[in-house]
PDB file of N, CA and C in Angstrom:
ATOM      1  N   GLN A   1     103.558 105.860  70.829  1.00  0.00           N
ATOM      2  CA  GLN A   1     103.207 105.058  71.991  1.00  0.00           C
ATOM      3  C   GLN A   1     104.047 105.463  73.193  1.00  0.00           C
ATOM      4  N   VAL A   2     103.440 105.388  74.338  1.00  0.00           N
ATOM      5  CA  VAL A   2     104.117 105.692  75.595  1.00  0.00           C
ATOM      6  C   VAL A   2     103.925 104.515  76.540  1.00  0.00           C
ATOM      7  N   GLN A   3     104.983 104.116  77.174  1.00  0.00           N
ATOM      8  CA  GLN A   3     104.906 103.066  78.191  1.00  0.00           C
ATOM      9  C   GLN A   3     105.109 103.693  79.564  1.00  0.00           C
ATOM     10  N   LEU A   4     104.307 103.270  80.514  1.00  0.00           N
ATOM     11  CA  LEU A   4     104.334 103.823  81.867  1.00  0.00           C
ATOM     12  C   LEU A   4     104.584 102.700  82.864  1.00  0.00           C
ATOM     13  N   VAL A   5     105.513 102.938  83.788  1.00  0.00           N
ATOM     14  CA  VAL A   5     105.816 101.954  84.821  1.00  0.00           C
ATOM     15  C   VAL A   5     105.800 102.644  86.185  1.00  0.00           C
ATOM     16  N   GLU A   6     104.898 102.193  87.049  1.00  0.00           N
ATOM     17  CA  GLU A   6     104.795 102.751  88.398  1.00  0.00           C
ATOM     18  C   GLU A   6     105.692 101.981  89.361  1.00  0.00           C
ATOM     19  N   SER A   7     106.121 102.680  90.399  1.00  0.00           N
ATOM     20  CA  SER A   7     106.878 102.056  91.483  1.00  0.00           C
ATOM     21  C   SER A   7     106.691 102.876  92.748  1.00  0.00           C
ATOM     22  N   GLY A   8     107.128 102.317  93.866  1.00  0.00           N
ATOM     23  CA  GLY A   8     107.081 103.056  95.119  1.00  0.00           C
ATOM     24  C   GLY A   8     105.977 102.669  96.066  1.00  0.00           C
ATOM     25  N   GLY A   9     105.107 101.790  95.631  1.00  0.00           N
ATOM     26  CA  GLY A   9     104.048 101.355  96.532  1.00  0.00           C
ATOM     27  C   GLY A   9     104.583 100.488  97.653  1.00  0.00           C
ATOM     28  N   GLY A  10     103.739 100.238  98.633  1.00  0.00           N
ATOM     29  CA  GLY A  10     104.152  99.400  99.757  1.00  0.00           C
ATOM     30  C   GLY A  10     103.196  99.512 100.907  1.00  0.00           C
ATOM     31  N   LEU A  11     103.660  99.048 102.064  1.00  0.00           N
ATOM     32  CA  LEU A  11     102.865  99.068 103.282  1.00  0.00           C
ATOM     33  C   LEU A  11     103.345 100.208 104.169  1.00  0.00           C
ATOM     34  N   VAL A  12     102.421 101.006 104.657  1.00  0.00           N
ATOM     35  CA  VAL A  12     102.754 102.134 105.522  1.00  0.00           C
ATOM     36  C   VAL A  12     101.694 102.255 106.600  1.00  0.00           C
ATOM     37  N   GLN A  13     102.094 102.753 107.747  1.00  0.00           N
ATOM     38  CA  GLN A  13     101.124 102.985 108.814  1.00  0.00           C
ATOM     39  C   GLN A  13     100.326 104.256 108.539  1.00  0.00           C
ATOM     40  N   ALA A  14      99.128 104.296 109.076  1.00  0.00           N
ATOM     41  CA  ALA A  14      98.313 105.503 108.955  1.00  0.00           C
ATOM     42  C   ALA A  14      99.099 106.699 109.505  1.00  0.00           C
ATOM     43  N   GLY A  15      99.035 107.811 108.780  1.00  0.00           N
ATOM     44  CA  GLY A  15      99.800 108.993 109.147  1.00  0.00           C
ATOM     45  C   GLY A  15     101.154 109.071 108.478  1.00  0.00           C
ATOM     46  N   GLY A  16     101.567 107.984 107.864  1.00  0.00           N
ATOM     47  CA  GLY A  16     102.863 107.937 107.215  1.00  0.00           C
ATOM     48  C   GLY A  16     102.831 108.490 105.797  1.00  0.00           C
ATOM     49  N   SER A  17     103.972 108.347 105.112  1.00  0.00           N
ATOM     50  CA  SER A  17     104.129 108.904 103.767  1.00  0.00           C
ATOM     51  C   SER A  17     104.703 107.869 102.807  1.00  0.00           C
ATOM     52  N   LEU A  18     104.372 108.059 101.545  1.00  0.00           N
ATOM     53  CA  LEU A  18     104.963 107.274 100.473  1.00  0.00           C
ATOM     54  C   LEU A  18     105.118 108.189  99.266  1.00  0.00           C
ATOM     55  N   ARG A  19     106.095 107.887  98.421  1.00  0.00           N
ATOM     56  CA  ARG A  19     106.216 108.600  97.166  1.00  0.00           C
ATOM     57  C   ARG A  19     106.163 107.597  96.023  1.00  0.00           C
ATOM     58  N   LEU A  20     105.176 107.759  95.183  1.00  0.00           N
ATOM     59  CA  LEU A  20     105.049 106.918  93.997  1.00  0.00           C
ATOM     60  C   LEU A  20     105.752 107.575  92.818  1.00  0.00           C
ATOM     61  N   SER A  21     106.314 106.746  91.958  1.00  0.00           N
ATOM     62  CA  SER A  21     106.966 107.231  90.750  1.00  0.00           C
ATOM     63  C   SER A  21     106.321 106.585  89.538  1.00  0.00           C
ATOM     64  N   CYS A  22     106.321 107.320  88.446  1.00  0.00           N
ATOM     65  CA  CYS A  22     105.815 106.800  87.174  1.00  0.00           C
ATOM     66  C   CYS A  22     106.832 107.182  86.103  1.00  0.00           C
ATOM     67  N   ALA A  23     107.541 106.197  85.616  1.00  0.00           N
ATOM     68  CA  ALA A  23     108.552 106.429  84.589  1.00  0.00           C
ATOM     69  C   ALA A  23     107.946 106.209  83.208  1.00  0.00           C
ATOM     70  N   ALA A  24     108.098 107.192  82.349  1.00  0.00           N
ATOM     71  CA  ALA A  24     107.564 107.114  80.997  1.00  0.00           C
ATOM     72  C   ALA A  24     108.681 106.830  80.001  1.00  0.00           C
ATOM     73  N   SER A  25     108.393 106.000  79.029  1.00  0.00           N
ATOM     74  CA  SER A  25     109.347 105.722  77.959  1.00  0.00           C
ATOM     75  C   SER A  25     108.598 105.654  76.647  1.00  0.00           C
ATOM     76  N   GLY A  26     109.357 105.700  75.560  1.00  0.00           N
ATOM     77  CA  GLY A  26     108.726 105.686  74.252  1.00  0.00           C
ATOM     78  C   GLY A  26     108.660 107.091  73.686  1.00  0.00           C
ATOM     79  N   ARG A  27     107.530 107.463  73.172  1.00  0.00           N
ATOM     80  CA  ARG A  27     107.372 108.754  72.512  1.00  0.00           C
ATOM     81  C   ARG A  27     107.104 109.833  73.558  1.00  0.00           C
ATOM     82  N   THR A  28     108.155 110.250  74.246  1.00  0.00           N
ATOM     83  CA  THR A  28     107.993 111.199  75.356  1.00  0.00           C
ATOM     84  C   THR A  28     108.333 112.619  74.966  1.00  0.00           C
ATOM     85  N   SER A  29     108.654 112.860  73.693  1.00  0.00           N
ATOM     86  CA  SER A  29     109.047 114.207  73.304  1.00  0.00           C
ATOM     87  C   SER A  29     107.851 115.140  73.169  1.00  0.00           C
ATOM     88  N   SER A  30     106.668 114.595  73.099  1.00  0.00           N
ATOM     89  CA  SER A  30     105.470 115.425  72.997  1.00  0.00           C
ATOM     90  C   SER A  30     105.048 115.918  74.373  1.00  0.00           C
ATOM     91  N   ASP A  31     104.113 116.825  74.381  1.00  0.00           N
ATOM     92  CA  ASP A  31     103.535 117.316  75.629  1.00  0.00           C
ATOM     93  C   ASP A  31     102.420 116.381  76.080  1.00  0.00           C
ATOM     94  N   TYR A  32     102.365 116.168  77.377  1.00  0.00           N
ATOM     95  CA  TYR A  32     101.386 115.249  77.934  1.00  0.00           C
ATOM     96  C   TYR A  32     100.728 115.800  79.186  1.00  0.00           C
ATOM     97  N   ALA A  33      99.505 115.400  79.388  1.00  0.00           N
ATOM     98  CA  ALA A  33      98.886 115.491  80.704  1.00  0.00           C
ATOM     99  C   ALA A  33      99.083 114.128  81.354  1.00  0.00           C
ATOM    100  N   MET A  34      99.449 114.147  82.626  1.00  0.00           N
ATOM    101  CA  MET A  34      99.667 112.907  83.365  1.00  0.00           C
ATOM    102  C   MET A  34      98.692 112.874  84.531  1.00  0.00           C
ATOM    103  N   GLY A  35      98.232 111.688  84.828  1.00  0.00           N
ATOM    104  CA  GLY A  35      97.292 111.558  85.930  1.00  0.00           C
ATOM    105  C   GLY A  35      97.596 110.354  86.795  1.00  0.00           C
ATOM    106  N   TRP A  36      97.181 110.435  88.052  1.00  0.00           N
ATOM    107  CA  TRP A  36      97.186 109.299  88.953  1.00  0.00           C
ATOM    108  C   TRP A  36      95.742 108.956  89.296  1.00  0.00           C
ATOM    109  N   PHE A  37      95.438 107.691  89.207  1.00  0.00           N
ATOM    110  CA  PHE A  37      94.137 107.156  89.596  1.00  0.00           C
ATOM    111  C   PHE A  37      94.371 106.052  90.623  1.00  0.00           C
ATOM    112  N   ARG A  38      93.326 105.657  91.305  1.00  0.00           N
ATOM    113  CA  ARG A  38      93.444 104.544  92.234  1.00  0.00           C
ATOM    114  C   ARG A  38      92.167 103.716  92.230  1.00  0.00           C
ATOM    115  N   GLN A  39      92.339 102.454  92.582  1.00  0.00           N
ATOM    116  CA  GLN A  39      91.193 101.564  92.644  1.00  0.00           C
ATOM    117  C   GLN A  39      91.329 100.642  93.845  1.00  0.00           C
ATOM    118  N   ALA A  40      90.376 100.763  94.744  1.00  0.00           N
ATOM    119  CA  ALA A  40      90.323  99.897  95.919  1.00  0.00           C
ATOM    120  C   ALA A  40      89.445  98.689  95.611  1.00  0.00           C
ATOM    121  N   PRO A  41      89.624  97.592  96.323  1.00  0.00           N
ATOM    122  CA  PRO A  41      88.815  96.392  96.062  1.00  0.00           C
ATOM    123  C   PRO A  41      87.322  96.689  96.128  1.00  0.00           C
ATOM    124  N   GLY A  42      86.604  96.264  95.109  1.00  0.00           N
ATOM    125  CA  GLY A  42      85.162  96.435  95.078  1.00  0.00           C
ATOM    126  C   GLY A  42      84.692  97.834  94.726  1.00  0.00           C
ATOM    127  N   LYS A  43      85.625  98.704  94.379  1.00  0.00           N
ATOM    128  CA  LYS A  43      85.252 100.088  94.053  1.00  0.00           C
ATOM    129  C   LYS A  43      85.681 100.444  92.629  1.00  0.00           C
ATOM    130  N   GLU A  44      85.082 101.507  92.130  1.00  0.00           N
ATOM    131  CA  GLU A  44      85.454 102.008  90.817  1.00  0.00           C
ATOM    132  C   GLU A  44      86.821 102.692  90.883  1.00  0.00           C
ATOM    133  N   ARG A  45      87.486 102.722  89.760  1.00  0.00           N
ATOM    134  CA  ARG A  45      88.729 103.471  89.680  1.00  0.00           C
ATOM    135  C   ARG A  45      88.396 104.954  89.783  1.00  0.00           C
ATOM    136  N   GLU A  46      89.160 105.673  90.585  1.00  0.00           N
ATOM    137  CA  GLU A  46      88.874 107.087  90.780  1.00  0.00           C
ATOM    138  C   GLU A  46      90.103 107.947  90.543  1.00  0.00           C
ATOM    139  N   PHE A  47      89.839 109.168  90.125  1.00  0.00           N
ATOM    140  CA  PHE A  47      90.898 110.138  89.885  1.00  0.00           C
ATOM    141  C   PHE A  47      91.496 110.587  91.209  1.00  0.00           C
ATOM    142  N   VAL A  48      92.825 110.773  91.199  1.00  0.00           N
ATOM    143  CA  VAL A  48      93.525 111.256  92.390  1.00  0.00           C
ATOM    144  C   VAL A  48      94.162 112.620  92.144  1.00  0.00           C
ATOM    145  N   ALA A  49      94.992 112.706  91.091  1.00  0.00           N
ATOM    146  CA  ALA A  49      95.724 113.944  90.838  1.00  0.00           C
ATOM    147  C   ALA A  49      96.137 113.996  89.386  1.00  0.00           C
ATOM    148  N   GLY A  50      96.308 115.228  88.873  1.00  0.00           N
ATOM    149  CA  GLY A  50      96.735 115.388  87.488  1.00  0.00           C
ATOM    150  C   GLY A  50      97.684 116.556  87.349  1.00  0.00           C
ATOM    151  N   ILE A  51      98.487 116.513  86.295  1.00  0.00           N
ATOM    152  CA  ILE A  51      99.438 117.579  86.020  1.00  0.00           C
ATOM    153  C   ILE A  51      99.479 117.799  84.518  1.00  0.00           C
ATOM    154  N   ILE A  52      99.519 119.079  84.143  1.00  0.00           N
ATOM    155  CA  ILE A  52      99.588 119.453  82.736  1.00  0.00           C
ATOM    156  C   ILE A  52     101.038 119.737  82.373  1.00  0.00           C
ATOM    157  N   CYS A  53     101.555 118.994  81.390  1.00  0.00           N
ATOM    158  CA  CYS A  53     102.928 119.191  80.901  1.00  0.00           C
ATOM    159  C   CYS A  53     103.915 119.135  82.060  1.00  0.00           C
ATOM    160  N   ASP A  54     104.766 120.135  82.203  1.00  0.00           N
ATOM    161  CA  ASP A  54     105.785 120.092  83.256  1.00  0.00           C
ATOM    162  C   ASP A  54     105.340 120.811  84.509  1.00  0.00           C
ATOM    163  N   GLY A  55     104.048 121.043  84.644  1.00  0.00           N
ATOM    164  CA  GLY A  55     103.531 121.688  85.835  1.00  0.00           C
ATOM    165  C   GLY A  55     102.764 122.961  85.520  1.00  0.00           C
ATOM    166  N   THR A  56     102.361 123.140  84.288  1.00  0.00           N
ATOM    167  CA  THR A  56     101.529 124.297  83.910  1.00  0.00           C
ATOM    168  C   THR A  56     100.378 124.443  84.885  1.00  0.00           C
ATOM    169  N   SER A  57      99.790 123.332  85.252  1.00  0.00           N
ATOM    170  CA  SER A  57      98.792 123.328  86.305  1.00  0.00           C
ATOM    171  C   SER A  57      98.741 121.926  86.921  1.00  0.00           C
ATOM    172  N   THR A  58      98.287 121.895  88.161  1.00  0.00           N
ATOM    173  CA  THR A  58      98.054 120.634  88.863  1.00  0.00           C
ATOM    174  C   THR A  58      96.669 120.690  89.485  1.00  0.00           C
ATOM    175  N   TYR A  59      96.061 119.529  89.686  1.00  0.00           N
ATOM    176  CA  TYR A  59      94.717 119.506  90.240  1.00  0.00           C
ATOM    177  C   TYR A  59      94.539 118.172  90.956  1.00  0.00           C
ATOM    178  N   TYR A  60      93.622 118.176  91.933  1.00  0.00           N
ATOM    179  CA  TYR A  60      93.498 117.053  92.842  1.00  0.00           C
ATOM    180  C   TYR A  60      92.045 116.727  93.141  1.00  0.00           C
ATOM    181  N   ALA A  61      91.814 115.477  93.474  1.00  0.00           N
ATOM    182  CA  ALA A  61      90.528 115.096  94.037  1.00  0.00           C
ATOM    183  C   ALA A  61      90.400 115.726  95.420  1.00  0.00           C
ATOM    184  N   ASP A  62      89.191 116.066  95.816  1.00  0.00           N
ATOM    185  CA  ASP A  62      88.978 116.698  97.119  1.00  0.00           C
ATOM    186  C   ASP A  62      89.494 115.828  98.258  1.00  0.00           C
ATOM    187  N   SER A  63      89.419 114.521  98.097  1.00  0.00           N
ATOM    188  CA  SER A  63      89.784 113.606  99.167  1.00  0.00           C
ATOM    189  C   SER A  63      91.279 113.617  99.474  1.00  0.00           C
ATOM    190  N   VAL A  64      92.096 114.144  98.574  1.00  0.00           N
ATOM    191  CA  VAL A  64      93.544 114.122  98.787  1.00  0.00           C
ATOM    192  C   VAL A  64      94.156 115.520  98.820  1.00  0.00           C
ATOM    193  N   LYS A  65      93.380 116.546  98.591  1.00  0.00           N
ATOM    194  CA  LYS A  65      93.904 117.913  98.603  1.00  0.00           C
ATOM    195  C   LYS A  65      94.565 118.221  99.932  1.00  0.00           C
ATOM    196  N   GLY A  66      95.743 118.828  99.840  1.00  0.00           N
ATOM    197  CA  GLY A  66      96.466 119.181 101.049  1.00  0.00           C
ATOM    198  C   GLY A  66      97.326 118.053 101.599  1.00  0.00           C
ATOM    199  N   ARG A  67      97.141 116.839 101.096  1.00  0.00           N
ATOM    200  CA  ARG A  67      97.934 115.700 101.572  1.00  0.00           C
ATOM    201  C   ARG A  67      98.833 115.126 100.464  1.00  0.00           C
ATOM    202  N   PHE A  68      98.354 115.163  99.241  1.00  0.00           N
ATOM    203  CA  PHE A  68      99.107 114.598  98.115  1.00  0.00           C
ATOM    204  C   PHE A  68      99.631 115.723  97.235  1.00  0.00           C
ATOM    205  N   THR A  69     100.783 115.475  96.609  1.00  0.00           N
ATOM    206  CA  THR A  69     101.358 116.440  95.684  1.00  0.00           C
ATOM    207  C   THR A  69     101.864 115.708  94.449  1.00  0.00           C
ATOM    208  N   ILE A  70     101.434 116.166  93.284  1.00  0.00           N
ATOM    209  CA  ILE A  70     101.902 115.595  92.030  1.00  0.00           C
ATOM    210  C   ILE A  70     102.963 116.527  91.451  1.00  0.00           C
ATOM    211  N   SER A  71     104.005 115.934  90.890  1.00  0.00           N
ATOM    212  CA  SER A  71     105.068 116.728  90.292  1.00  0.00           C
ATOM    213  C   SER A  71     105.686 115.934  89.149  1.00  0.00           C
ATOM    214  N   LYS A  72     106.481 116.629  88.352  1.00  0.00           N
ATOM    215  CA  LYS A  72     107.094 115.980  87.191  1.00  0.00           C
ATOM    216  C   LYS A  72     108.505 116.498  86.997  1.00  0.00           C
ATOM    217  N   VAL A  73     109.417 115.602  86.689  1.00  0.00           N
ATOM    218  CA  VAL A  73     110.783 115.957  86.329  1.00  0.00           C
ATOM    219  C   VAL A  73     110.975 115.561  84.873  1.00  0.00           C
ATOM    220  N   ASN A  74     110.946 116.548  84.002  1.00  0.00           N
ATOM    221  CA  ASN A  74     111.009 116.267  82.571  1.00  0.00           C
ATOM    222  C   ASN A  74     112.288 115.539  82.175  1.00  0.00           C
ATOM    223  N   ALA A  75     113.396 115.928  82.795  1.00  0.00           N
ATOM    224  CA  ALA A  75     114.682 115.327  82.421  1.00  0.00           C
ATOM    225  C   ALA A  75     114.700 113.820  82.675  1.00  0.00           C
ATOM    226  N   LYS A  76     113.865 113.376  83.598  1.00  0.00           N
ATOM    227  CA  LYS A  76     113.790 111.949  83.917  1.00  0.00           C
ATOM    228  C   LYS A  76     112.542 111.302  83.333  1.00  0.00           C
ATOM    229  N   ASN A  77     111.726 112.095  82.643  1.00  0.00           N
ATOM    230  CA  ASN A  77     110.444 111.563  82.138  1.00  0.00           C
ATOM    231  C   ASN A  77     109.690 110.833  83.240  1.00  0.00           C
ATOM    232  N   THR A  78     109.665 111.417  84.397  1.00  0.00           N
ATOM    233  CA  THR A  78     109.067 110.766  85.558  1.00  0.00           C
ATOM    234  C   THR A  78     108.094 111.703  86.258  1.00  0.00           C
ATOM    235  N   VAL A  79     106.964 111.155  86.627  1.00  0.00           N
ATOM    236  CA  VAL A  79     105.963 111.866  87.411  1.00  0.00           C
ATOM    237  C   VAL A  79     105.918 111.236  88.797  1.00  0.00           C
ATOM    238  N   TYR A  80     105.782 112.081  89.802  1.00  0.00           N
ATOM    239  CA  TYR A  80     105.770 111.616  91.185  1.00  0.00           C
ATOM    240  C   TYR A  80     104.429 111.937  91.842  1.00  0.00           C
ATOM    241  N   LEU A  81     104.072 111.135  92.798  1.00  0.00           N
ATOM    242  CA  LEU A  81     102.932 111.431  93.661  1.00  0.00           C
ATOM    243  C   LEU A  81     103.410 111.288  95.107  1.00  0.00           C
ATOM    244  N   GLN A  82     103.626 112.420  95.750  1.00  0.00           N
ATOM    245  CA  GLN A  82     104.006 112.414  97.153  1.00  0.00           C
ATOM    246  C   GLN A  82     102.735 112.325  97.990  1.00  0.00           C
ATOM    247  N   MET A  83     102.646 111.304  98.818  1.00  0.00           N
ATOM    248  CA  MET A  83     101.450 111.072  99.613  1.00  0.00           C
ATOM    249  C   MET A  83     101.807 111.164 101.092  1.00  0.00           C
ATOM    250  N   ASN A  84     101.250 112.164 101.754  1.00  0.00           N
ATOM    251  CA  ASN A  84     101.488 112.370 103.186  1.00  0.00           C
ATOM    252  C   ASN A  84     100.201 112.155 103.972  1.00  0.00           C
ATOM    253  N   SER A  85     100.346 111.994 105.261  1.00  0.00           N
ATOM    254  CA  SER A  85      99.205 111.814 106.158  1.00  0.00           C
ATOM    255  C   SER A  85      98.253 110.744 105.626  1.00  0.00           C
ATOM    256  N   LEU A  86      98.803 109.627 105.257  1.00  0.00           N
ATOM    257  CA  LEU A  86      98.002 108.577 104.644  1.00  0.00           C
ATOM    258  C   LEU A  86      96.970 108.020 105.610  1.00  0.00           C
ATOM    259  N   LYS A  87      95.836 107.681 105.061  1.00  0.00           N
ATOM    260  CA  LYS A  87      94.722 107.134 105.810  1.00  0.00           C
ATOM    261  C   LYS A  87      94.419 105.721 105.296  1.00  0.00           C
ATOM    262  N   PRO A  88      93.777 104.909 106.104  1.00  0.00           N
ATOM    263  CA  PRO A  88      93.416 103.562 105.624  1.00  0.00           C
ATOM    264  C   PRO A  88      92.600 103.595 104.335  1.00  0.00           C
ATOM    265  N   GLU A  89      91.779 104.618 104.167  1.00  0.00           N
ATOM    266  CA  GLU A  89      90.953 104.711 102.961  1.00  0.00           C
ATOM    267  C   GLU A  89      91.747 105.087 101.720  1.00  0.00           C
ATOM    268  N   ASP A  90      93.026 105.410 101.875  1.00  0.00           N
ATOM    269  CA  ASP A  90      93.884 105.658 100.714  1.00  0.00           C
ATOM    270  C   ASP A  90      94.423 104.361 100.121  1.00  0.00           C
ATOM    271  N   ALA A  91      94.247 103.263 100.808  1.00  0.00           N
ATOM    272  CA  ALA A  91      94.759 101.986 100.324  1.00  0.00           C
ATOM    273  C   ALA A  91      94.081 101.604  99.014  1.00  0.00           C
ATOM    274  N   ALA A  92      94.888 101.263  98.028  1.00  0.00           N
ATOM    275  CA  ALA A  92      94.363 100.941  96.700  1.00  0.00           C
ATOM    276  C   ALA A  92      95.532 100.574  95.790  1.00  0.00           C
ATOM    277  N   VAL A  93      95.200 100.143  94.591  1.00  0.00           N
ATOM    278  CA  VAL A  93      96.203 100.058  93.537  1.00  0.00           C
ATOM    279  C   VAL A  93      96.211 101.408  92.835  1.00  0.00           C
ATOM    280  N   TYR A  94      97.385 101.999  92.732  1.00  0.00           N
ATOM    281  CA  TYR A  94      97.520 103.312  92.124  1.00  0.00           C
ATOM    282  C   TYR A  94      98.060 103.152  90.700  1.00  0.00           C
ATOM    283  N   TYR A  95      97.378 103.830  89.775  1.00  0.00           N
ATOM    284  CA  TYR A  95      97.722 103.748  88.359  1.00  0.00           C
ATOM    285  C   TYR A  95      98.169 105.105  87.831  1.00  0.00           C
ATOM    286  N   CYS A  96      99.185 105.086  87.002  1.00  0.00           N
ATOM    287  CA  CYS A  96      99.641 106.266  86.291  1.00  0.00           C
ATOM    288  C   CYS A  96      99.029 106.261  84.900  1.00  0.00           C
ATOM    289  N   SER A  97      98.734 107.451  84.381  1.00  0.00           N
ATOM    290  CA  SER A  97      98.117 107.538  83.066  1.00  0.00           C
ATOM    291  C   SER A  97      98.664 108.746  82.317  1.00  0.00           C
ATOM    292  N   ALA A  98      98.521 108.722  80.996  1.00  0.00           N
ATOM    293  CA  ALA A  98      99.040 109.813  80.166  1.00  0.00           C
ATOM    294  C   ALA A  98      98.107 110.095  79.003  1.00  0.00           C
ATOM    295  N   ARG A  99      98.076 111.377  78.653  1.00  0.00           N
ATOM    296  CA  ARG A  99      97.271 111.834  77.517  1.00  0.00           C
ATOM    297  C   ARG A  99      98.127 112.820  76.735  1.00  0.00           C
ATOM    298  N   ARG A 100      98.262 112.583  75.464  1.00  0.00           N
ATOM    299  CA  ARG A 100      99.038 113.498  74.639  1.00  0.00           C
ATOM    300  C   ARG A 100      98.261 114.793  74.428  1.00  0.00           C
ATOM    301  N   LEU A 101      98.961 115.920  74.499  1.00  0.00           N
ATOM    302  CA  LEU A 101      98.340 117.229  74.331  1.00  0.00           C
ATOM    303  C   LEU A 101      98.887 117.947  73.111  1.00  0.00           C
ATOM    304  N   MET A 102      98.048 118.764  72.496  1.00  0.00           N
ATOM    305  CA  MET A 102      98.498 119.620  71.401  1.00  0.00           C
ATOM    306  C   MET A 102      99.108 120.912  71.948  1.00  0.00           C
ATOM    307  N   VAL A 103      98.644 121.337  73.136  1.00  0.00           N
ATOM    308  CA  VAL A 103      99.142 122.570  73.742  1.00  0.00           C
ATOM    309  C   VAL A 103      99.071 122.428  75.252  1.00  0.00           C
ATOM    310  N   CYS A 104     100.016 123.037  75.938  1.00  0.00           N
ATOM    311  CA  CYS A 104      99.995 123.040  77.396  1.00  0.00           C
ATOM    312  C   CYS A 104      99.159 124.229  77.844  1.00  0.00           C
ATOM    313  N   SER A 105      98.023 123.977  78.413  1.00  0.00           N
ATOM    314  CA  SER A 105      97.108 125.046  78.778  1.00  0.00           C
ATOM    315  C   SER A 105      96.567 124.825  80.170  1.00  0.00           C
ATOM    316  N   ARG A 106      96.413 125.930  80.885  1.00  0.00           N
ATOM    317  CA  ARG A 106      95.806 125.871  82.212  1.00  0.00           C
ATOM    318  C   ARG A 106      94.281 125.827  82.130  1.00  0.00           C
ATOM    319  N   SER A 107      93.763 125.941  80.915  1.00  0.00           N
ATOM    320  CA  SER A 107      92.312 126.041  80.757  1.00  0.00           C
ATOM    321  C   SER A 107      91.595 124.698  80.852  1.00  0.00           C
ATOM    322  N   TYR A 108      92.352 123.624  80.793  1.00  0.00           N
ATOM    323  CA  TYR A 108      91.734 122.310  80.778  1.00  0.00           C
ATOM    324  C   TYR A 108      92.281 121.443  81.905  1.00  0.00           C
ATOM    325  N   TYR A 109      91.469 120.487  82.309  1.00  0.00           N
ATOM    326  CA  TYR A 109      91.975 119.463  83.205  1.00  0.00           C
ATOM    327  C   TYR A 109      91.309 118.149  82.813  1.00  0.00           C
ATOM    328  N   TYR A 110      91.952 117.082  83.180  1.00  0.00           N
ATOM    329  CA  TYR A 110      91.520 115.761  82.720  1.00  0.00           C
ATOM    330  C   TYR A 110      91.401 114.851  83.929  1.00  0.00           C
ATOM    331  N   ALA A 111      90.185 114.533  84.325  1.00  0.00           N
ATOM    332  CA  ALA A 111      89.961 113.753  85.536  1.00  0.00           C
ATOM    333  C   ALA A 111      89.130 112.498  85.299  1.00  0.00           C
ATOM    334  N   GLY A 112      88.912 112.175  84.056  1.00  0.00           N
ATOM    335  CA  GLY A 112      88.144 110.970  83.749  1.00  0.00           C
ATOM    336  C   GLY A 112      89.026 109.893  83.148  1.00  0.00           C
ATOM    337  N   GLU A 113      88.679 108.645  83.392  1.00  0.00           N
ATOM    338  CA  GLU A 113      89.464 107.546  82.815  1.00  0.00           C
ATOM    339  C   GLU A 113      89.542 107.658  81.305  1.00  0.00           C
ATOM    340  N   SER A 114      88.454 108.039  80.678  1.00  0.00           N
ATOM    341  CA  SER A 114      88.418 108.104  79.218  1.00  0.00           C
ATOM    342  C   SER A 114      89.249 109.256  78.661  1.00  0.00           C
ATOM    343  N   ASP A 115      89.721 110.139  79.525  1.00  0.00           N
ATOM    344  CA  ASP A 115      90.583 111.240  79.077  1.00  0.00           C
ATOM    345  C   ASP A 115      91.987 110.775  78.751  1.00  0.00           C
ATOM    346  N   TYR A 116      92.352 109.585  79.217  1.00  0.00           N
ATOM    347  CA  TYR A 116      93.737 109.119  79.101  1.00  0.00           C
ATOM    348  C   TYR A 116      93.834 107.894  78.198  1.00  0.00           C
ATOM    349  N   ALA A 117      94.860 107.908  77.341  1.00  0.00           N
ATOM    350  CA  ALA A 117      95.046 106.820  76.381  1.00  0.00           C
ATOM    351  C   ALA A 117      96.053 105.773  76.864  1.00  0.00           C
ATOM    352  N   TYR A 118      96.944 106.191  77.746  1.00  0.00           N
ATOM    353  CA  TYR A 118      98.030 105.296  78.163  1.00  0.00           C
ATOM    354  C   TYR A 118      97.963 105.055  79.665  1.00  0.00           C
ATOM    355  N   TRP A 119      98.211 103.804  80.051  1.00  0.00           N
ATOM    356  CA  TRP A 119      98.099 103.408  81.454  1.00  0.00           C
ATOM    357  C   TRP A 119      99.245 102.482  81.846  1.00  0.00           C
ATOM    358  N   GLY A 120      99.669 102.619  83.102  1.00  0.00           N
ATOM    359  CA  GLY A 120     100.596 101.659  83.673  1.00  0.00           C
ATOM    360  C   GLY A 120      99.835 100.491  84.270  1.00  0.00           C
ATOM    361  N   HIS A 121     100.589  99.564  84.850  1.00  0.00           N
ATOM    362  CA  HIS A 121      99.971  98.365  85.417  1.00  0.00           C
ATOM    363  C   HIS A 121      99.622  98.512  86.899  1.00  0.00           C
ATOM    364  N   GLY A 122     100.050  99.586  87.508  1.00  0.00           N
ATOM    365  CA  GLY A 122      99.645  99.854  88.883  1.00  0.00           C
ATOM    366  C   GLY A 122     100.662  99.439  89.917  1.00  0.00           C
ATOM    367  N   THR A 123     100.583 100.075  91.074  1.00  0.00           N
ATOM    368  CA  THR A 123     101.405  99.734  92.226  1.00  0.00           C
ATOM    369  C   THR A 123     100.516  99.753  93.465  1.00  0.00           C
ATOM    370  N   GLN A 124     100.691  98.757  94.321  1.00  0.00           N
ATOM    371  CA  GLN A 124      99.806  98.586  95.470  1.00  0.00           C
ATOM    372  C   GLN A 124     100.256  99.467  96.638  1.00  0.00           C
ATOM    373  N   VAL A 125      99.294 100.161  97.213  1.00  0.00           N
ATOM    374  CA  VAL A 125      99.525 100.929  98.445  1.00  0.00           C
ATOM    375  C   VAL A 125      98.623 100.359  99.525  1.00  0.00           C
ATOM    376  N   THR A 126      99.223  99.964 100.633  1.00  0.00           N
ATOM    377  CA  THR A 126      98.476  99.432 101.770  1.00  0.00           C
ATOM    378  C   THR A 126      98.740 100.307 102.970  1.00  0.00           C
ATOM    379  N   VAL A 127      97.682 100.711 103.654  1.00  0.00           N
ATOM    380  CA  VAL A 127      97.800 101.580 104.821  1.00  0.00           C
ATOM    381  C   VAL A 127      97.195 100.864 106.009  1.00  0.00           C
ATOM    382  N   SER A 128      98.014 100.622 107.019  1.00  0.00           N
ATOM    383  CA  SER A 128      97.537  99.931 108.217  1.00  0.00           C
ATOM    384  C   SER A 128      97.073 100.953 109.255  1.00  0.00           C
ATOM    385  N   SER A 129      96.030 100.602 109.965  1.00  0.00           N
ATOM    386  CA  SER A 129      95.485 101.529 110.968  1.00  0.00           C
ATOM    387  C   SER A 129      96.070 101.262 112.334  1.00  0.00           C
TER     388      SER A 129
END
């Protein structure tokens, strides 16, 4: 089992930046794919960014490419989402997720909710215009 706790959300003006953190605990010695998703009021949860293992590969939703960066520090069991040039449409609850992997490979990516077995409780991001 893996437990995920997000932090770093808050209120920011449009054009500003925030860095979200996701701290993992529990069975963290295995290899994992980690993902960030978000859900705005009245909308479906959507994929934002993903990372394979310690950075074997990273991938992003088109809506955040060039503005968001996902990274991982293995020594801290923490995944980060650096969000720059924030827009009002980025406002949502952001969720961290994890999927255990048998191998770290660049050949796969995981962008669906059903791809992930473990989820955090979310952190709110509000962007004022």
